[in-house]
């Protein structure tokens, strides 16, 4: 019997604050803007809000480089606005999940400013240092954002480790003083009354201290799994964190897990291991990565896509809990990547949320997906803000790649696809701000926006509201067993959900073409779908249907 929990029965909405709503007219989203839209968010039926980092930061990686873990950035409104947000959310019955970024800090954090002064400094061991030859890096590891993971520090004449940018030095979790600093930070925010933590790249905190070279021809996905992630002490660290702090509060924890696969994943979320409640794995989100990674895309295998959901459900069925998501601030728009953002944008957007709301696990919605926001295709690389995209572009130029072809990959995979400002209405700057936004808008905001969707009963937005409400009203869709009916079908994803309280059959046509299909169980009746009329012997392009035994 699966233990019932509030965070299993809820729905999470992720906000990228910089791009959500600007209340001050400076072109940057802020906390007061979020407060202004809480009634809208409540109308969706969501129960939790995951807020990307709003701490003090030089924003080299848009807040994922934190310079003060206890200070809310003035750019976002400071601590007063944060306190107002938390109170306003709790008044509406909404839970707040904060982002915790403790694999690394900003190089402008007090700890690192001190650490780089001398080897004898008390903070020096808060970071990871190796090597003494400026002309010879400690190993051949490559950063997630291209280039070496090692940066030379003249003062102490050694390298520090940064798995991301050199502005994000990795923290040394081997140091118990550093770990206690992290636990104190967590306690600071939990004491304030937040309801959960999303832990950024938490699978990377334990390093393989021998720092051996990796084979030059090793795909980066394999490097993540076998070298950077799932280090020898990661579970020890997470158990300690849970024992010292997390277990003392009724909160939810979800760990971002690059490099976490079916072999490692279940241990992170095992109820008996007492580490995390959920983990974000990326098996389905790296499914179109080629040998050289995300900017070397390959066609997605639909059979494998389905199998990933089935395998993870099976792995966590009896001891753990799944995170169900298709995108976030680091990936392309879900309708552009997994649906059809052209002629079938409406239908495929609705299909994708039907999928999210009918799999076992806690579903996550990223801002703008509820109105079917799409990828953006800027003509110039100068229109892209994301440090990963810019670094990848420079690396491709250095290698002499076909840059026209690479730009198509940028259009497909850049993290900025998900970071364009939220499209609230068709006025100038899409109702996001009264000034030019910090990052260019997607030009389709005049036709794709909340104001238009809100009054259209057939809109993606109103379908989201219906299917979220349907999930919350039927606990079998939350806790029930899962079985893929026809895993080898090339277009259809059809599965059963059942328990002692009910039985459901859900079917999706992931294609631009009608597909022959009939309900195999006539005792199940149609409940909800993304088409007004159904053909008993065919599924229309991108059609979803939910059947239930009543």
Protein backbone atom coordinates (compact mmCIF):
# COMPACT_ATOMS: atom_id res chain seq x y z
CA UNK A 1 0.00 0.00 0.00
CA UNK A 2 1.48 3.34 -1.07
CA UNK A 3 1.59 5.90 1.72
CA UNK A 4 -0.52 8.96 1.01
CA UNK A 5 1.25 12.35 1.10
CA UNK A 6 0.11 15.88 0.23
CA UNK A 7 2.96 16.31 -2.23
CA UNK A 8 1.97 13.16 -4.09
CA UNK A 9 -1.58 14.42 -4.58
CA UNK A 10 -0.67 17.92 -5.70
CA UNK A 11 0.41 19.55 -8.96
CA UNK A 12 3.56 21.70 -9.20
CA UNK A 13 3.84 24.87 -11.29
CA UNK A 14 7.38 26.06 -11.98
CA UNK A 15 8.09 29.79 -12.17
CA UNK A 16 11.19 31.30 -13.77
CA UNK A 17 10.86 34.65 -11.94
CA UNK A 18 12.96 36.72 -14.34
CA UNK A 19 10.53 35.90 -17.15
CA UNK A 20 7.18 35.61 -15.35
CA UNK A 21 5.82 39.12 -14.59
CA UNK A 22 7.51 42.49 -14.14
CA UNK A 23 5.73 44.80 -11.69
CA UNK A 24 8.27 47.66 -11.72
CA UNK A 25 8.75 48.39 -15.42
CA UNK A 26 12.45 47.55 -15.56
CA UNK A 27 12.02 44.62 -17.95
CA UNK A 28 12.82 41.95 -15.36
CA UNK A 29 10.22 39.78 -13.65
CA UNK A 30 9.95 40.03 -9.87
CA UNK A 31 8.21 38.72 -6.77
CA UNK A 32 5.48 41.38 -6.75
CA UNK A 33 4.66 40.28 -10.30
CA UNK A 34 4.19 36.73 -9.05
CA UNK A 35 1.92 37.97 -6.25
CA UNK A 36 -0.21 39.77 -8.85
CA UNK A 37 -0.75 36.47 -10.67
CA UNK A 38 -1.47 34.16 -7.73
CA UNK A 39 -5.22 34.15 -8.40
CA UNK A 40 -4.50 33.09 -11.98
CA UNK A 41 -2.23 30.30 -10.76
CA UNK A 42 -4.83 29.17 -8.26
CA UNK A 43 -7.41 29.03 -11.08
CA UNK A 44 -5.28 26.40 -12.80
CA UNK A 45 -5.75 24.03 -9.89
CA UNK A 46 -2.07 23.77 -9.07
CA UNK A 47 -1.15 23.29 -5.40
CA UNK A 48 2.60 23.94 -5.28
CA UNK A 49 4.87 26.56 -6.84
CA UNK A 50 8.52 25.83 -7.49
CA UNK A 51 10.42 29.11 -7.66
CA UNK A 52 13.74 29.22 -9.51
CA UNK A 53 16.50 31.04 -7.57
CA UNK A 54 15.72 34.55 -6.31
CA UNK A 55 18.76 34.90 -4.04
CA UNK A 56 21.52 37.49 -4.31
CA UNK A 57 23.52 36.67 -7.43
CA UNK A 58 25.70 38.27 -10.11
CA UNK A 59 23.47 36.33 -12.57
CA UNK A 60 26.21 34.86 -14.70
CA UNK A 61 23.92 31.83 -14.91
CA UNK A 62 20.66 33.63 -14.12
CA UNK A 63 20.61 33.01 -10.40
CA UNK A 64 22.14 29.55 -10.30
CA UNK A 65 25.32 31.26 -9.13
CA UNK A 66 24.39 32.36 -5.62
CA UNK A 67 26.48 34.96 -3.75
CA UNK A 68 24.31 35.11 -0.61
CA UNK A 69 22.07 32.18 0.32
CA UNK A 70 20.13 34.08 2.98
CA UNK A 71 19.38 37.25 1.00
CA UNK A 72 16.59 37.69 -1.55
CA UNK A 73 17.90 39.76 -4.42
CA UNK A 74 16.76 43.37 -4.44
CA UNK A 75 16.26 42.97 -8.17
CA UNK A 76 13.40 40.59 -7.36
CA UNK A 77 12.01 42.72 -4.53
CA UNK A 78 14.03 41.73 -1.47
CA UNK A 79 12.92 40.01 1.72
CA UNK A 80 9.80 42.16 2.20
CA UNK A 81 8.35 41.02 -1.11
CA UNK A 82 9.32 37.44 -0.35
CA UNK A 83 7.51 37.50 2.98
CA UNK A 84 4.43 38.92 1.24
CA UNK A 85 4.59 36.18 -1.37
CA UNK A 86 4.83 33.38 1.18
CA UNK A 87 1.92 34.76 3.19
CA UNK A 88 -0.23 35.32 0.09
CA UNK A 89 0.46 31.78 -1.14
CA UNK A 90 -0.35 30.18 2.20
CA UNK A 91 -3.59 32.19 2.41
CA UNK A 92 -4.59 30.54 -0.86
CA UNK A 93 -3.53 27.07 0.25
CA UNK A 94 -0.53 27.04 -2.06
CA UNK A 95 2.83 25.53 -1.07
CA UNK A 96 6.19 27.13 -1.90
CA UNK A 97 9.17 25.07 -3.10
CA UNK A 98 12.46 27.00 -3.17
CA UNK A 99 15.49 26.18 -5.29
CA UNK A 100 18.57 25.04 -3.36
CA UNK A 101 21.85 25.34 -5.30
CA UNK A 102 24.62 23.77 -3.22
CA UNK A 103 26.76 21.79 -5.64
CA UNK A 104 28.43 25.14 -6.30
CA UNK A 105 28.25 28.78 -5.27
CA UNK A 106 29.05 32.00 -7.08
CA UNK A 107 32.71 32.97 -7.20
CA UNK A 108 31.47 36.24 -5.68
CA UNK A 109 30.24 34.49 -2.55
CA UNK A 110 32.05 35.48 0.65
CA UNK A 111 33.27 31.90 1.05
CA UNK A 112 35.07 31.85 -2.28
CA UNK A 113 36.42 35.37 -1.98
CA UNK A 114 38.14 34.19 1.19
CA UNK A 115 39.00 30.71 -0.10
CA UNK A 116 41.12 31.98 -2.98
CA UNK A 117 43.25 34.26 -0.76
CA UNK A 118 45.49 31.54 0.69
CA UNK A 119 45.72 27.83 1.34
CA UNK A 120 45.58 28.57 5.06
CA UNK A 121 42.33 30.51 4.87
CA UNK A 122 39.52 28.82 6.88
CA UNK A 123 37.29 28.85 3.79
CA UNK A 124 39.87 27.40 1.41
CA UNK A 125 38.67 23.86 2.05
CA UNK A 126 35.08 24.86 1.24
CA UNK A 127 36.07 24.35 -2.42
CA UNK A 128 37.99 21.76 -4.44
CA UNK A 129 41.59 22.50 -5.39
CA UNK A 130 44.08 20.44 -7.38
CA UNK A 131 47.33 20.81 -9.32
CA UNK A 132 50.28 23.17 -9.12
CA UNK A 133 51.29 23.55 -12.79
CA UNK A 134 49.55 26.38 -14.61
CA UNK A 135 50.36 24.73 -17.94
CA UNK A 136 48.87 21.36 -17.02
CA UNK A 137 45.22 20.94 -15.93
CA UNK A 138 44.64 18.27 -13.28
CA UNK A 139 42.66 16.17 -15.77
CA UNK A 140 40.75 16.33 -19.08
CA UNK A 141 37.24 16.78 -17.69
CA UNK A 142 34.97 19.06 -19.69
CA UNK A 143 32.41 21.44 -18.22
CA UNK A 144 28.67 21.11 -18.78
CA UNK A 145 29.04 24.49 -20.48
CA UNK A 146 32.10 23.60 -22.61
CA UNK A 147 35.80 23.99 -21.82
CA UNK A 148 37.86 22.62 -18.95
CA UNK A 149 36.37 22.21 -15.46
CA UNK A 150 39.58 23.68 -14.01
CA UNK A 151 40.39 27.37 -13.49
CA UNK A 152 43.79 28.62 -12.30
CA UNK A 153 44.02 30.81 -9.19
CA UNK A 154 47.18 32.92 -9.26
CA UNK A 155 47.26 33.70 -5.55
CA UNK A 156 47.39 30.11 -4.30
CA UNK A 157 48.93 28.73 -7.52
CA UNK A 158 46.43 25.91 -7.99
CA UNK A 159 43.25 25.08 -9.90
CA UNK A 160 39.71 25.08 -8.55
CA UNK A 161 36.98 22.78 -9.89
CA UNK A 162 33.87 24.11 -11.65
CA UNK A 163 31.61 21.58 -13.38
CA UNK A 164 29.65 24.52 -14.81
CA UNK A 165 31.05 27.99 -15.53
CA UNK A 166 34.22 29.29 -13.88
CA UNK A 167 31.91 31.70 -12.06
CA UNK A 168 30.39 28.68 -10.28
CA UNK A 169 33.14 26.94 -8.25
CA UNK A 170 32.11 23.53 -6.88
CA UNK A 171 31.68 23.20 -3.13
CA UNK A 172 33.69 20.60 -1.22
CA UNK A 173 31.13 18.31 0.43
CA UNK A 174 33.97 16.25 1.91
CA UNK A 175 34.38 19.09 4.42
CA UNK A 176 31.95 18.64 7.36
CA UNK A 177 32.06 22.40 8.06
CA UNK A 178 30.79 23.10 4.56
CA UNK A 179 28.03 20.54 4.97
CA UNK A 180 26.95 22.15 8.23
CA UNK A 181 26.84 25.56 6.50
CA UNK A 182 24.46 24.04 3.93
CA UNK A 183 22.25 22.50 6.62
CA UNK A 184 22.12 25.83 8.45
CA UNK A 185 20.98 27.53 5.23
CA UNK A 186 18.26 24.92 4.75
CA UNK A 187 17.09 25.39 8.34
CA UNK A 188 17.01 29.17 7.84
CA UNK A 189 14.50 28.84 4.99
CA UNK A 190 12.45 26.03 6.51
CA UNK A 191 12.08 28.10 9.68
CA UNK A 192 10.66 30.87 7.50
CA UNK A 193 7.87 28.49 6.53
CA UNK A 194 8.68 27.35 3.01
CA UNK A 195 7.20 23.97 2.11
CA UNK A 196 9.90 22.26 0.12
CA UNK A 197 13.19 22.31 -1.72
CA UNK A 198 14.17 21.53 -5.28
CA UNK A 199 17.86 20.64 -5.09
CA UNK A 200 19.87 21.69 -8.11
CA UNK A 201 22.21 19.01 -9.61
CA UNK A 202 22.27 17.27 -6.23
CA UNK A 203 23.54 14.05 -7.83
CA UNK A 204 26.91 15.78 -8.41
CA UNK A 205 27.83 16.79 -4.85
CA UNK A 206 30.06 13.77 -4.14
CA UNK A 207 33.21 13.77 -6.30
CA UNK A 208 35.42 10.88 -7.34
CA UNK A 209 38.51 12.28 -5.69
CA UNK A 210 41.04 10.46 -7.84
CA UNK A 211 39.96 12.79 -10.71
CA UNK A 212 41.08 10.31 -13.36
CA UNK A 213 40.97 11.29 -17.04
CA UNK A 214 37.96 10.15 -19.05
CA UNK A 215 38.31 8.52 -22.50
CA UNK A 216 38.26 11.19 -25.21
CA UNK A 217 35.58 9.35 -27.18
CA UNK A 218 33.25 8.85 -24.19
CA UNK A 219 29.81 10.43 -24.84
CA UNK A 220 29.06 13.22 -22.40
CA UNK A 221 25.91 11.46 -21.17
CA UNK A 222 28.09 8.54 -20.08
CA UNK A 223 30.57 10.92 -18.46
CA UNK A 224 27.71 12.38 -16.44
CA UNK A 225 26.47 8.98 -15.29
CA UNK A 226 29.79 7.29 -14.63
CA UNK A 227 32.11 10.12 -13.58
CA UNK A 228 30.37 13.32 -12.47
CA UNK A 229 27.22 11.94 -10.84
CA UNK A 230 26.43 9.31 -8.20
CA UNK A 231 29.74 9.74 -6.40
CA UNK A 232 30.85 7.43 -3.60
CA UNK A 233 29.43 9.49 -0.72
CA UNK A 234 26.34 11.07 -2.30
CA UNK A 235 23.87 8.87 -0.41
CA UNK A 236 25.75 9.33 2.84
CA UNK A 237 25.52 13.10 2.42
CA UNK A 238 21.80 13.03 1.58
CA UNK A 239 21.02 10.78 4.54
CA UNK A 240 22.90 13.14 6.81
CA UNK A 241 21.00 16.11 5.40
CA UNK A 242 17.71 14.34 5.95
CA UNK A 243 18.58 13.20 9.45
CA UNK A 244 19.92 16.55 10.65
CA UNK A 245 17.37 18.89 9.07
CA UNK A 246 14.77 17.67 6.59
CA UNK A 247 13.19 14.99 8.78
CA UNK A 248 12.30 17.64 11.36
CA UNK A 249 9.90 19.43 8.96
CA UNK A 250 6.86 18.36 6.93
CA UNK A 251 8.34 19.39 3.60
CA UNK A 252 8.84 17.92 0.14
CA UNK A 253 12.25 17.43 -1.47
CA UNK A 254 12.97 16.84 -5.13
CA UNK A 255 16.51 16.42 -6.38
CA UNK A 256 17.65 17.34 -9.86
CA UNK A 257 19.60 14.29 -11.00
CA UNK A 258 21.78 14.66 -14.08
CA UNK A 259 23.46 11.32 -14.56
CA UNK A 260 20.85 9.50 -12.46
CA UNK A 261 19.50 6.45 -14.26
CA UNK A 262 17.45 3.36 -13.44
CA UNK A 263 20.42 1.78 -11.71
CA UNK A 264 20.96 4.67 -9.30
CA UNK A 265 17.62 6.47 -9.21
CA UNK A 266 15.52 4.28 -6.90
CA UNK A 267 17.99 4.63 -4.03
CA UNK A 268 17.70 8.44 -4.02
CA UNK A 269 13.94 8.28 -3.42
CA UNK A 270 13.54 5.04 -1.51
CA UNK A 271 11.21 5.58 1.44
CA UNK A 272 13.34 3.21 3.49
CA UNK A 273 16.64 4.98 2.63
CA UNK A 274 15.28 8.36 3.81
CA UNK A 275 17.10 10.68 1.43
CA UNK A 276 14.80 12.56 -1.00
CA UNK A 277 11.10 12.33 -1.84
CA UNK A 278 11.48 12.63 -5.60
CA UNK A 279 14.19 13.00 -8.21
CA UNK A 280 14.25 14.55 -11.68
CA UNK A 281 15.91 12.05 -13.99
CA UNK A 282 16.56 13.04 -17.60
CA UNK A 283 16.34 9.77 -19.51
CA UNK A 284 13.45 11.08 -21.62
CA UNK A 285 14.91 14.59 -21.93
CA UNK A 286 18.25 13.44 -23.34
CA UNK A 287 16.53 11.03 -25.71
CA UNK A 288 17.39 13.12 -28.79
CA UNK A 289 21.01 13.87 -27.81
CA UNK A 290 23.62 12.70 -30.30
CA UNK A 291 27.20 11.65 -29.61
CA UNK A 292 28.23 15.28 -29.05
CA UNK A 293 25.29 16.09 -26.79
CA UNK A 294 22.25 18.33 -27.04
CA UNK A 295 23.49 20.43 -29.97
CA UNK A 296 24.01 17.27 -31.99
CA UNK A 297 20.36 16.16 -32.02
CA UNK A 298 19.08 12.85 -33.41
CA UNK A 299 15.47 11.74 -34.07
CA UNK A 300 13.53 10.69 -30.99
CA UNK A 301 12.62 7.00 -30.69
CA UNK A 302 8.97 6.89 -29.59
CA UNK A 303 9.18 3.27 -28.42
CA UNK A 304 12.05 4.20 -26.13
CA UNK A 305 10.18 7.32 -24.96
CA UNK A 306 7.30 5.15 -23.75
CA UNK A 307 9.57 2.54 -22.24
CA UNK A 308 11.34 5.15 -20.10
CA UNK A 309 8.07 6.01 -18.35
CA UNK A 310 7.21 2.34 -17.90
CA UNK A 311 10.64 1.42 -16.56
CA UNK A 312 10.75 4.26 -14.06
CA UNK A 313 7.22 3.52 -12.88
CA UNK A 314 8.16 -0.12 -12.30
CA UNK A 315 11.41 0.83 -10.55
CA UNK A 316 9.62 3.09 -8.05
CA UNK A 317 6.30 1.25 -7.79
CA UNK A 318 6.80 -0.17 -4.31
CA UNK A 319 9.38 2.08 -2.67
CA UNK A 320 9.63 5.63 -3.95
CA UNK A 321 7.80 8.25 -5.99
CA UNK A 322 8.15 9.68 -9.49
CA UNK A 323 8.42 13.22 -10.79
CA UNK A 324 6.40 13.50 -13.99
CA UNK A 325 7.59 16.29 -16.27
CA UNK A 326 8.41 16.98 -19.91
CA UNK A 327 10.29 20.26 -19.66
CA UNK A 328 11.55 23.06 -17.45
CA UNK A 329 13.76 26.16 -17.61
CA UNK A 330 16.67 24.11 -19.01
CA UNK A 331 14.88 22.49 -21.96
CA UNK A 332 12.87 23.31 -25.05
CA UNK A 333 9.16 24.02 -24.96
CA UNK A 334 7.28 20.74 -24.60
CA UNK A 335 4.90 21.26 -27.52
CA UNK A 336 7.83 22.09 -29.83
CA UNK A 337 9.85 19.10 -28.70
CA UNK A 338 7.33 16.34 -28.05
CA UNK A 339 4.27 17.63 -29.90
CA UNK A 340 3.56 19.59 -33.07
CA UNK A 341 3.84 23.35 -32.53
CA UNK A 342 2.40 24.12 -35.97
CA UNK A 343 -0.94 22.88 -37.27
CA UNK A 344 -1.59 20.68 -34.21
CA UNK A 345 -0.30 22.98 -31.48
CA UNK A 346 -3.70 23.04 -29.75
CA UNK A 347 -4.26 19.29 -29.88
CA UNK A 348 -0.72 18.18 -29.02
CA UNK A 349 -0.44 20.64 -26.12
CA UNK A 350 -3.61 19.14 -24.69
CA UNK A 351 -2.32 15.62 -25.27
CA UNK A 352 0.88 16.34 -23.38
CA UNK A 353 -0.89 17.62 -20.28
CA UNK A 354 -3.24 14.62 -20.41
CA UNK A 355 -0.13 12.45 -20.31
CA UNK A 356 1.33 14.44 -17.39
CA UNK A 357 -1.87 14.20 -15.36
CA UNK A 358 -2.49 10.47 -15.86
CA UNK A 359 0.90 8.92 -15.06
CA UNK A 360 1.81 7.80 -11.54
CA UNK A 361 3.84 10.49 -9.81
CA UNK A 362 3.71 14.19 -9.03
CA UNK A 363 3.24 16.24 -12.22
CA UNK A 364 5.19 19.42 -12.95
CA UNK A 365 4.01 22.22 -15.25
CA UNK A 366 6.43 24.85 -16.52
CA UNK A 367 5.18 28.43 -16.93
CA UNK A 368 3.66 29.11 -20.33
CA UNK A 369 3.10 25.48 -21.25
CA UNK A 370 -0.51 25.91 -20.12
CA UNK A 371 -1.08 28.26 -23.08
CA UNK A 372 1.04 26.26 -25.52
CA UNK A 373 4.04 28.59 -25.69
CA UNK A 374 6.54 27.46 -28.32
CA UNK A 375 10.24 27.52 -29.07
CA UNK A 376 11.68 30.76 -30.38
CA UNK A 377 13.87 31.05 -33.49
CA UNK A 378 16.00 34.16 -33.25
CA UNK A 379 18.02 34.95 -36.37
CA UNK A 380 21.15 36.06 -34.53
CA UNK A 381 23.09 34.35 -31.75
CA UNK A 382 23.37 37.80 -30.14
CA UNK A 383 19.66 37.55 -29.28
CA UNK A 384 20.40 34.61 -26.98
CA UNK A 385 21.25 35.29 -23.33
CA UNK A 386 21.92 31.77 -22.03
CA UNK A 387 25.56 31.15 -21.08
CA UNK A 388 25.32 27.50 -22.15
CA UNK A 389 24.06 28.47 -25.62
CA UNK A 390 26.70 31.17 -26.05
CA UNK A 391 29.53 28.86 -24.95
CA UNK A 392 28.32 26.07 -27.23
CA UNK A 393 28.20 28.51 -30.15
CA UNK A 394 31.79 29.64 -29.58
CA UNK A 395 32.96 26.03 -29.22
CA UNK A 396 31.25 25.10 -32.49
CA UNK A 397 32.89 28.04 -34.26
CA UNK A 398 36.30 27.01 -32.92
CA UNK A 399 35.76 23.51 -34.32
CA UNK A 400 34.84 24.90 -37.75
CA UNK A 401 31.30 23.55 -37.71
CA UNK A 402 28.55 24.51 -40.16
CA UNK A 403 27.07 27.41 -38.20
CA UNK A 404 23.84 27.52 -40.19
CA UNK A 405 23.23 23.93 -39.18
CA UNK A 406 24.28 24.70 -35.63
CA UNK A 407 21.80 27.59 -35.45
CA UNK A 408 19.01 25.11 -36.26
CA UNK A 409 20.19 23.06 -33.29
CA UNK A 410 20.09 26.23 -31.15
CA UNK A 411 16.51 26.84 -32.29
CA UNK A 412 15.68 23.28 -31.24
CA UNK A 413 17.63 22.94 -27.99
CA UNK A 414 18.60 26.30 -26.45
CA UNK A 415 17.55 26.84 -22.85
CA UNK A 416 16.30 30.29 -23.90
CA UNK A 417 13.38 28.58 -25.64
CA UNK A 418 11.82 28.22 -22.19
CA UNK A 419 13.00 31.58 -20.86
CA UNK A 420 11.27 34.04 -23.17
CA UNK A 421 8.86 36.24 -21.18
CA UNK A 422 5.46 34.89 -20.21
CA UNK A 423 2.83 35.94 -22.75
CA UNK A 424 0.00 37.51 -20.78
CA UNK A 425 -1.77 39.47 -23.53
CA UNK A 426 -1.29 40.95 -27.01
CA UNK A 427 -0.23 44.43 -25.91
CA UNK A 428 3.32 45.71 -26.34
CA UNK A 429 5.77 43.48 -24.47
CA UNK A 430 3.03 40.84 -24.07
CA UNK A 431 1.74 42.26 -20.79
CA UNK A 432 4.94 40.98 -19.15
CA UNK A 433 6.35 44.47 -18.65
CA UNK A 434 5.83 48.11 -19.58
CA UNK A 435 9.45 48.21 -20.79
CA UNK A 436 11.62 46.20 -23.14
CA UNK A 437 12.15 42.76 -21.51
CA UNK A 438 15.57 41.51 -20.45
CA UNK A 439 15.38 38.88 -23.19
CA UNK A 440 13.54 39.10 -26.53
CA UNK A 441 9.91 38.02 -26.67
CA UNK A 442 8.61 35.25 -28.85
CA UNK A 443 6.87 37.14 -31.68
CA UNK A 444 3.82 34.87 -31.56
CA UNK A 445 2.63 36.48 -28.29
CA UNK A 446 -0.03 38.41 -30.22
CA UNK A 447 -1.89 35.15 -30.88
CA UNK A 448 -0.63 32.94 -28.02
CA UNK A 449 -1.37 34.60 -24.68
CA UNK A 450 -3.28 34.13 -21.44
CA UNK A 451 -5.90 36.82 -22.09
CA UNK A 452 -7.04 35.21 -25.33
CA UNK A 453 -6.91 31.69 -23.90
CA UNK A 454 -8.85 32.56 -20.77
CA UNK A 455 -12.03 33.49 -22.66
CA UNK A 456 -11.80 30.66 -25.20
CA UNK A 457 -13.53 27.55 -23.81
CA UNK A 458 -11.64 25.39 -26.31
CA UNK A 459 -8.23 26.79 -25.35
CA UNK A 460 -5.24 24.87 -24.10
CA UNK A 461 -5.46 26.84 -20.84
CA UNK A 462 -9.04 25.81 -20.10
CA UNK A 463 -8.25 22.21 -20.99
CA UNK A 464 -5.38 22.30 -18.48
CA UNK A 465 -7.85 23.43 -15.83
CA UNK A 466 -10.24 20.59 -16.67
CA UNK A 467 -7.70 17.78 -16.74
CA UNK A 468 -5.90 18.98 -13.57
CA UNK A 469 -9.24 19.00 -11.75
CA UNK A 470 -10.02 15.54 -13.13
CA UNK A 471 -6.74 14.13 -11.82
CA UNK A 472 -7.22 15.63 -8.38
CA UNK A 473 -10.75 14.17 -8.20
CA UNK A 474 -9.63 10.63 -9.06
CA UNK A 475 -7.03 9.22 -6.70
CA UNK A 476 -6.62 6.12 -8.86
CA UNK A 477 -4.84 8.40 -11.35
CA UNK A 478 -2.47 9.37 -8.56
CA UNK A 479 -1.79 6.13 -6.71
CA UNK A 480 -3.08 3.40 -9.04
CA UNK A 481 -0.99 0.76 -10.77
CA UNK A 482 0.37 1.43 -14.27
CA UNK A 483 0.63 -0.87 -17.30
CA UNK A 484 1.59 0.00 -20.88
CA UNK A 485 -0.94 -1.89 -23.04
CA UNK A 486 0.93 -1.88 -26.36
CA UNK A 487 4.56 -0.84 -25.81
CA UNK A 488 5.67 -1.61 -29.37
CA UNK A 489 3.09 0.58 -31.15
CA UNK A 490 4.83 3.25 -33.22
CA UNK A 491 2.23 6.01 -32.73
CA UNK A 492 0.01 5.15 -29.77
CA UNK A 493 0.76 5.31 -26.06
CA UNK A 494 -2.02 3.40 -24.29
CA UNK A 495 -1.97 2.40 -20.63
CA UNK A 496 -4.13 1.22 -17.74
CA UNK A 497 -4.32 2.78 -14.28
CA UNK A 498 -6.17 0.80 -11.64
CA UNK A 499 -6.57 0.00 -7.96
CA UNK A 500 -9.35 -1.24 -5.68
CA UNK A 501 -11.24 2.03 -6.13
CA UNK A 502 -11.36 2.29 -9.90
CA UNK A 503 -9.94 1.58 -13.33
CA UNK A 504 -8.88 3.88 -16.15
CA UNK A 505 -7.66 3.46 -19.69
CA UNK A 506 -5.75 6.34 -21.26
CA UNK A 507 -4.76 6.51 -24.91
CA UNK A 508 -2.70 9.07 -26.87
CA UNK A 509 -1.98 9.30 -30.58
CA UNK A 510 1.50 10.82 -30.84
CA UNK A 511 1.31 11.49 -34.59
CA UNK A 512 0.09 13.88 -37.27
CA UNK A 513 -2.12 11.16 -38.75
CA UNK A 514 -5.35 9.39 -37.79
CA UNK A 515 -4.66 5.90 -36.44
CA UNK A 516 -6.98 2.91 -36.27
CA UNK A 517 -7.90 2.15 -32.67
CA UNK A 518 -10.88 0.79 -30.76
CA UNK A 519 -11.48 0.64 -27.04
CA UNK A 520 -10.44 -2.91 -26.05
CA UNK A 521 -12.60 -2.87 -22.90
CA UNK A 522 -16.24 -1.94 -23.53
CA UNK A 523 -16.90 -1.79 -19.77
CA UNK A 524 -14.88 1.44 -19.72
CA UNK A 525 -16.68 4.60 -20.83
CA UNK A 526 -15.27 7.80 -22.29
CA UNK A 527 -14.71 10.57 -19.71
CA UNK A 528 -12.56 13.38 -21.07
CA UNK A 529 -10.48 14.09 -24.15
CA UNK A 530 -8.96 16.82 -26.27
CA UNK A 531 -11.40 16.50 -29.19
CA UNK A 532 -15.10 17.44 -29.02
CA UNK A 533 -16.13 14.46 -31.15
CA UNK A 534 -14.67 10.95 -31.12
CA UNK A 535 -14.50 8.33 -33.86
CA UNK A 536 -15.03 4.90 -32.32
CA UNK A 537 -12.59 3.19 -34.70
CA UNK A 538 -9.94 5.89 -35.12
CA UNK A 539 -7.88 8.32 -33.10
CA UNK A 540 -7.49 11.74 -34.69
CA UNK A 541 -4.03 13.34 -34.95
CA UNK A 542 -2.66 14.05 -31.45
CA UNK A 543 -5.87 12.85 -29.82
CA UNK A 544 -6.04 11.85 -26.15
CA UNK A 545 -8.89 10.03 -24.45
CA UNK A 546 -9.50 8.97 -20.87
CA UNK A 547 -11.87 6.07 -20.22
CA UNK A 548 -13.15 4.99 -16.81
CA UNK A 549 -15.16 2.14 -15.31
CA UNK A 550 -18.18 3.85 -13.75
